[in-house]
Every structure is written in structure tokens, then in C-alpha cells.
Protein backbone atom coordinates (compact mmCIF):
# COMPACT_ATOMS: atom_id res chain seq x y z
CA MET A 1 126.65 -111.26 -45.55
CA LEU A 2 124.54 -108.56 -44.77
CA LEU A 3 125.93 -105.64 -46.09
CA GLU A 4 127.91 -107.01 -49.01
CA GLY A 5 128.90 -104.73 -51.24
CA LYS A 6 127.43 -101.22 -49.35
CA TYR A 7 129.04 -98.74 -48.69
CA VAL A 8 128.00 -97.15 -44.60
CA VAL A 9 128.06 -93.82 -43.58
CA ILE A 10 128.68 -93.97 -39.82
CA SER A 11 128.96 -91.08 -37.34
CA GLY A 12 130.03 -90.67 -33.62
CA ILE A 13 132.80 -93.35 -33.44
CA GLY A 14 133.20 -93.58 -29.58
CA PRO A 15 133.95 -96.45 -27.16
CA GLY A 16 130.67 -98.26 -27.43
CA LEU A 17 128.24 -98.19 -29.79
CA GLY A 18 129.97 -96.61 -32.34
CA MET A 19 132.72 -98.98 -32.60
CA LYS A 20 130.81 -101.90 -33.06
CA LEU A 21 128.72 -100.48 -35.46
CA THR A 22 131.76 -100.07 -37.48
CA LEU A 23 133.42 -103.32 -36.74
CA HIS A 24 130.18 -104.86 -37.68
CA ALA A 25 129.20 -103.13 -40.72
CA ALA A 26 132.87 -104.60 -42.09
CA ILE A 27 132.24 -108.10 -40.96
CA GLU A 28 129.26 -107.68 -42.35
CA GLY A 29 131.19 -107.24 -45.83
CA ALA A 30 130.52 -103.18 -46.15
CA ALA A 31 132.76 -102.62 -49.27
CA GLY A 32 133.73 -99.35 -47.76
CA VAL A 33 132.86 -97.39 -44.48
CA ALA A 34 132.79 -93.90 -43.65
CA ILE A 35 133.44 -92.99 -40.12
CA SER A 36 133.71 -89.92 -37.78
CA ALA A 37 134.10 -88.56 -34.56
CA ARG A 38 135.65 -85.72 -32.28
CA SER A 39 138.56 -87.29 -31.73
CA PRO A 40 140.83 -89.06 -34.62
CA ASP A 41 141.95 -91.22 -31.87
CA ARG A 42 138.75 -93.34 -31.52
CA LEU A 43 139.04 -93.39 -35.66
CA ASP A 44 142.40 -94.51 -35.99
CA GLU A 45 141.15 -97.12 -33.16
CA ALA A 46 138.51 -98.47 -35.12
CA GLU A 47 140.60 -98.75 -38.46
CA ARG A 48 142.61 -100.67 -36.15
CA ARG A 49 139.96 -103.16 -34.95
CA ILE A 50 138.42 -103.72 -38.34
CA GLY A 51 142.51 -104.29 -39.78
CA GLU A 52 142.39 -107.28 -36.87
CA ALA A 53 139.14 -108.62 -37.69
CA GLY A 54 140.55 -109.24 -40.99
CA ALA A 55 137.66 -107.41 -42.79
CA GLY A 56 138.46 -105.98 -46.19
CA ALA A 57 136.53 -102.46 -46.11
CA ARG A 58 138.31 -99.52 -47.34
CA ILE A 59 138.10 -96.96 -44.68
CA VAL A 60 137.45 -93.08 -44.83
CA LYS A 61 138.26 -91.15 -41.67
CA HIS A 62 136.75 -87.77 -41.13
CA VAL A 63 136.90 -85.79 -37.95
CA THR A 64 133.58 -84.51 -37.88
CA ASP A 65 131.52 -82.36 -34.98
CA ILE A 66 127.64 -82.71 -36.31
CA THR A 67 126.67 -79.82 -35.16
CA GLU A 68 128.66 -77.94 -37.81
CA GLU A 69 126.73 -78.39 -40.74
CA ALA A 70 130.02 -77.74 -42.86
CA GLN A 71 132.11 -80.49 -41.18
CA CYS A 72 128.94 -82.41 -42.31
CA ARG A 73 128.58 -81.41 -45.90
CA ALA A 74 132.60 -82.26 -45.82
CA PHE A 75 132.23 -85.83 -44.03
CA ALA A 76 129.73 -86.87 -46.05
CA GLN A 77 131.62 -85.56 -49.79
CA ALA A 78 134.65 -87.22 -48.83
CA ALA A 79 132.96 -90.30 -48.19
CA ILE A 80 131.25 -90.00 -52.25
CA GLU A 81 134.51 -89.05 -53.32
CA ARG A 82 136.21 -92.01 -51.74
CA PHE A 83 133.55 -94.71 -52.73
CA GLY A 84 131.27 -92.75 -55.43
CA ARG A 85 127.68 -93.46 -53.62
CA ILE A 86 126.50 -93.75 -49.61
CA ASP A 87 123.91 -96.43 -49.70
CA ALA A 88 123.33 -96.25 -46.00
CA LEU A 89 123.70 -93.51 -43.15
CA VAL A 90 123.61 -94.37 -39.33
CA ASN A 91 123.31 -90.91 -37.13
CA ASN A 92 124.87 -92.82 -34.42
CA ALA A 93 126.66 -88.82 -32.97
CA TYR A 94 124.90 -87.91 -29.80
CA TYR A 95 124.94 -85.59 -26.53
CA HIS A 96 123.39 -87.21 -22.82
CA GLY A 97 124.50 -84.65 -20.33
CA PRO A 98 125.62 -85.44 -17.13
CA MET A 99 123.89 -87.85 -15.15
CA GLY A 100 121.49 -86.76 -12.46
CA ALA A 101 119.84 -83.79 -13.75
CA GLN A 102 116.57 -83.92 -13.77
CA ILE A 103 113.41 -81.90 -15.48
CA GLN A 104 112.66 -79.71 -12.84
CA SER A 105 116.14 -78.71 -12.21
CA SER A 106 118.29 -79.63 -14.97
CA ASP A 107 120.75 -77.08 -16.17
CA PHE A 108 118.81 -75.34 -19.32
CA ALA A 109 122.74 -75.20 -21.30
CA ASP A 110 122.76 -79.39 -21.38
CA TRP A 111 119.16 -78.77 -22.91
CA TYR A 112 120.62 -76.64 -25.77
CA LYS A 113 123.27 -79.22 -26.30
CA GLN A 114 121.21 -81.92 -25.89
CA PHE A 115 118.68 -80.72 -28.64
CA GLU A 116 121.51 -78.72 -31.12
CA THR A 117 123.22 -82.46 -31.10
CA ASN A 118 120.78 -85.13 -31.15
CA VAL A 119 118.05 -83.44 -33.17
CA ILE A 120 119.52 -80.67 -35.38
CA GLY A 121 123.03 -81.99 -35.51
CA THR A 122 121.89 -85.13 -36.64
CA ILE A 123 119.72 -83.74 -39.14
CA LYS A 124 121.92 -81.67 -40.44
CA MET A 125 124.53 -84.77 -41.30
CA THR A 126 121.26 -86.55 -42.49
CA ARG A 127 120.87 -83.40 -45.51
CA ALA A 128 124.61 -84.16 -46.08
CA VAL A 129 123.80 -87.29 -47.47
CA LEU A 130 120.27 -86.38 -48.82
CA PRO A 131 121.63 -85.51 -51.98
CA GLN A 132 124.04 -88.29 -53.26
CA MET A 133 121.44 -90.65 -52.24
CA ARG A 134 118.46 -88.70 -53.99
CA ALA A 135 120.76 -88.81 -57.73
CA GLN A 136 121.64 -92.64 -56.99
CA GLY A 137 118.06 -93.87 -56.62
CA GLY A 138 117.68 -94.57 -52.92
CA GLY A 139 119.53 -95.25 -49.21
CA ALA A 140 118.69 -95.93 -46.22
CA ILE A 141 119.37 -93.59 -43.29
CA VAL A 142 119.35 -95.53 -39.19
CA MET A 143 118.48 -92.79 -36.21
CA ILE A 144 120.08 -94.34 -33.38
CA SER A 145 117.41 -93.37 -30.43
CA THR A 146 116.56 -94.81 -27.07
CA MET A 147 113.67 -96.52 -25.37
CA GLY A 148 113.49 -93.67 -23.18
CA THR A 149 111.32 -92.50 -26.25
CA LYS A 150 108.68 -95.15 -25.35
CA MET A 151 108.42 -95.31 -21.73
CA VAL A 152 108.91 -93.32 -18.13
CA PRO A 153 112.91 -92.61 -18.66
CA MET A 154 114.92 -92.70 -15.91
CA GLU A 155 114.74 -90.00 -13.67
CA ASP A 156 118.35 -88.67 -14.63
CA GLU A 157 117.63 -88.58 -18.70
CA GLY A 158 114.77 -86.65 -19.21
CA GLY A 159 116.70 -83.54 -21.47
CA TYR A 160 118.37 -86.54 -23.72
CA ALA A 161 114.65 -88.50 -23.61
CA ALA A 162 112.97 -85.72 -24.97
CA SER A 163 115.83 -84.80 -27.45
CA LYS A 164 115.81 -88.26 -28.62
CA ALA A 165 111.63 -88.47 -29.11
CA ALA A 166 112.06 -84.93 -31.13
CA LEU A 167 114.15 -86.76 -33.44
CA TYR A 168 112.03 -89.82 -33.53
CA ASN A 169 108.97 -87.92 -34.64
CA ALA A 170 111.05 -85.90 -36.85
CA SER A 171 112.47 -89.26 -38.45
CA ARG A 172 108.83 -90.23 -39.23
CA LYS A 173 108.27 -87.27 -40.91
CA LEU A 174 111.51 -87.67 -43.10
CA ALA A 175 110.65 -91.17 -44.07
CA ALA A 176 107.71 -89.77 -45.34
CA GLU A 177 108.89 -86.85 -47.39
CA VAL A 178 111.81 -88.69 -49.13
CA GLY A 179 110.14 -91.99 -49.41
CA PRO A 180 109.45 -90.94 -52.83
CA ASP A 181 112.99 -91.10 -53.79
CA GLY A 182 113.76 -94.69 -52.31
CA ILE A 183 115.65 -93.28 -49.28
CA ARG A 184 113.84 -94.89 -46.05
CA VAL A 185 114.44 -93.98 -42.92
CA ASN A 186 114.16 -95.98 -39.42
CA SER A 187 114.70 -95.55 -35.81
CA LEU A 188 116.76 -98.11 -33.29
CA HIS A 189 115.55 -97.80 -29.42
CA PRO A 190 118.15 -99.87 -27.43
CA GLY A 191 117.98 -99.31 -23.64
CA TRP A 192 120.53 -100.61 -21.49
CA MET A 193 123.71 -101.56 -23.67
CA TRP A 194 126.61 -103.93 -21.71
CA GLY A 195 129.40 -102.53 -22.65
CA ASP A 196 132.50 -100.44 -21.60
CA PRO A 197 130.60 -97.18 -21.56
CA VAL A 198 127.68 -98.31 -19.07
CA ARG A 199 130.20 -100.77 -17.59
CA GLY A 200 132.34 -97.48 -16.42
CA ALA A 201 128.81 -95.65 -15.63
CA LEU A 202 127.75 -98.21 -13.26
CA ALA A 203 131.13 -98.04 -11.37
CA MET A 204 131.35 -94.26 -10.87
CA ASP A 205 127.88 -95.34 -8.54
CA ARG A 206 128.55 -98.25 -6.44
CA GLU A 207 126.95 -97.05 -3.47
CA ARG A 208 124.08 -97.06 -5.51
CA TRP A 209 124.69 -100.20 -8.02
CA GLY A 210 126.23 -102.14 -5.88
CA THR A 211 129.35 -104.14 -7.58
CA GLU A 212 128.99 -105.05 -11.22
CA GLU A 213 127.93 -108.53 -10.55
CA GLU A 214 124.75 -107.17 -8.23
CA ALA A 215 124.37 -104.22 -10.70
CA TYR A 216 123.92 -106.14 -13.93
CA ALA A 217 121.69 -108.46 -11.83
CA LYS A 218 119.31 -105.50 -10.57
CA VAL A 219 119.17 -104.25 -14.58
CA ALA A 220 118.36 -107.38 -15.82
CA SER A 221 115.71 -108.50 -13.66
CA HIS A 222 113.48 -106.25 -15.40
CA HIS A 223 114.29 -107.12 -19.23
CA ALA A 224 112.23 -110.31 -20.75
CA LEU A 225 115.35 -112.22 -21.22
CA ARG A 226 116.44 -111.43 -17.96
CA ARG A 227 119.72 -110.22 -19.46
CA ILE A 228 121.03 -107.18 -20.91
CA ALA A 229 121.59 -106.60 -24.94
CA THR A 230 124.69 -105.99 -25.84
CA ASP A 231 126.33 -102.84 -27.75
CA ASP A 232 127.44 -105.62 -30.26
CA GLU A 233 123.78 -106.69 -30.40
CA CYS A 234 122.50 -103.41 -30.73
CA ALA A 235 124.62 -103.05 -33.91
CA ARG A 236 123.68 -105.98 -35.64
CA ALA A 237 120.08 -104.65 -35.14
CA ALA A 238 121.01 -101.80 -36.51
CA LEU A 239 122.59 -102.73 -39.52
CA PHE A 240 120.20 -105.11 -39.85
CA LEU A 241 117.95 -101.95 -40.85
CA ALA A 242 120.83 -100.22 -42.98
CA SER A 243 120.64 -104.08 -45.29
CA ASP A 244 118.59 -104.79 -47.95
CA TYR A 245 116.37 -107.44 -45.47
CA ALA A 246 114.32 -104.19 -44.24
CA SER A 247 113.59 -102.75 -48.04
CA ALA A 248 110.32 -102.47 -47.05
CA ILE A 249 110.49 -100.96 -44.26
CA THR A 250 110.54 -97.33 -43.72
CA GLY A 251 108.97 -94.98 -40.74
CA ALA A 252 109.21 -97.52 -38.31
CA SER A 253 111.04 -98.01 -34.71
CA LEU A 254 113.10 -101.00 -33.91
CA ASP A 255 112.80 -102.19 -29.82
CA ALA A 256 116.62 -103.87 -28.80
CA ASN A 257 116.56 -103.86 -25.40
CA ALA A 258 116.20 -107.66 -24.30
CA GLY A 259 112.79 -106.36 -23.17
CA GLY A 260 113.55 -104.30 -21.29
CA PHE A 261 110.64 -102.37 -23.05
CA MET A 262 107.63 -104.07 -24.70
CA PRO A 263 104.96 -101.98 -26.03
């Protein structure tokens, strides 16, 4: 199994990718999964779904706001106390901001929150696990980014894409810094992910997208595979980067978007 015997930390357990990251980490044999979110209900749901899947991973649940450095350290320490090590960190927690916010007119308050969460908060969470990874001789860090960092983003994702682009560049610099310690840092760049969050977003703007079937067809028509990648598929791609199968990969980016963007 992809993560057999590994201890994995995942931030940002929400209804979409975060939940699938947790579930697939357990299914792929992780010995322990430490999960964080701002809502304890999400953590309880993730634990329940792991149990329903019959996975035997030990679970650490910790309510965490990654913009608070002390909370990041407490989350990492809870994982260390329970597991004794941290083999991988998947930074999934993020703030998207309101839809329809263009660069020329968006509220700078949203930009501050996007950068505070997506860049600074993610680095705070990463710093919290680095001492343990360094002490144990290595580890893997995966940053969840977006294909909007590599292409012209949707017209209402300027601030979000800018923050993720900053994280992407910081991640490559970090990979060079921590490489001598055996720590790998990579980025996953998903695009549209078919799952509950995207389905809900499309449903809120039927005037633009039409029915769910029409919306799916519109988006999929621009992808090489003529379909939308699922959040399950993107979760598995991220966990590949966290696994030993990617042991020679660092400072890299993996596109997981069904060919929605091809460099």
C-alpha cells in the first residue's frame, strides 16, 4: 500500500479534498493520521468515515487555525506525542475568498486573509513539523496549490491565485533549504475537482452554468480527458507525492486536473 506504516499529518479537513485526503491516507495503509480543521464536526466526520472504510489507522484530531502559530505547534506536538514521528505533512488548509472578486475591484481585506492563510499560515504549519522531520532524518511535505498559478486564472480568482503562486515559489525555495535534511517539498496543482464543494458552487449560479449536467459538460469540454478530475483522484495524487514512490522528487509540481492545463 502507498503509505503503509507511515504517520501522516493533514491540515484543513473540509467537505472536499481534505476529507478525501484523510480517507485515502488511511485506506493506503497509514499507521496514523493526524487531522486538523477549525470545526470539530469535520474531524468527527473524517474519523467516522475512516471507521466505515475499515481502515485501521490511529487518529489524532486537533482543532487548529493555521494562522495561529501556537495552534500549529500544538497540533504537531499532539501528533508527535501519539505517533512518535511525522512522515508526511499535507498542507490543504486554505482560504479562497468570495467568488466574483476581480483584482481591479476586490477588497484588500480578502487579499490579506488569502495571503495570511494560504502563504503565511501554511508556512507556520510547515515550520511546526520541520524539527521533528529533521530529527528523524527526513519527511515529505505536500503543498496543495492550484493550476491557476500556471495559467490565466478564472476572472474571479485573482487574489487566491496570487497567494497560491507565492506559496508555490516559497515551496521550491524551501525544498532547497531542507533537502540536505532529507526532507522533500512538492506541490500539487489541481483544477476543477468534481465533488460536493464544486457541485455546490455551480448550483449557486445556475444562470451562468445551467443544470449540473450542462455545467459539467461546459467545464469538461476544455479538458484533454473530456472529464473533470474527482477530489478522490486529486487526493491520491497528493498522497503519491507524500509516499516513498516519490522519494527522488522534490521542488516539483504535479498537475492533477484531467488535462485542464498542460504546460
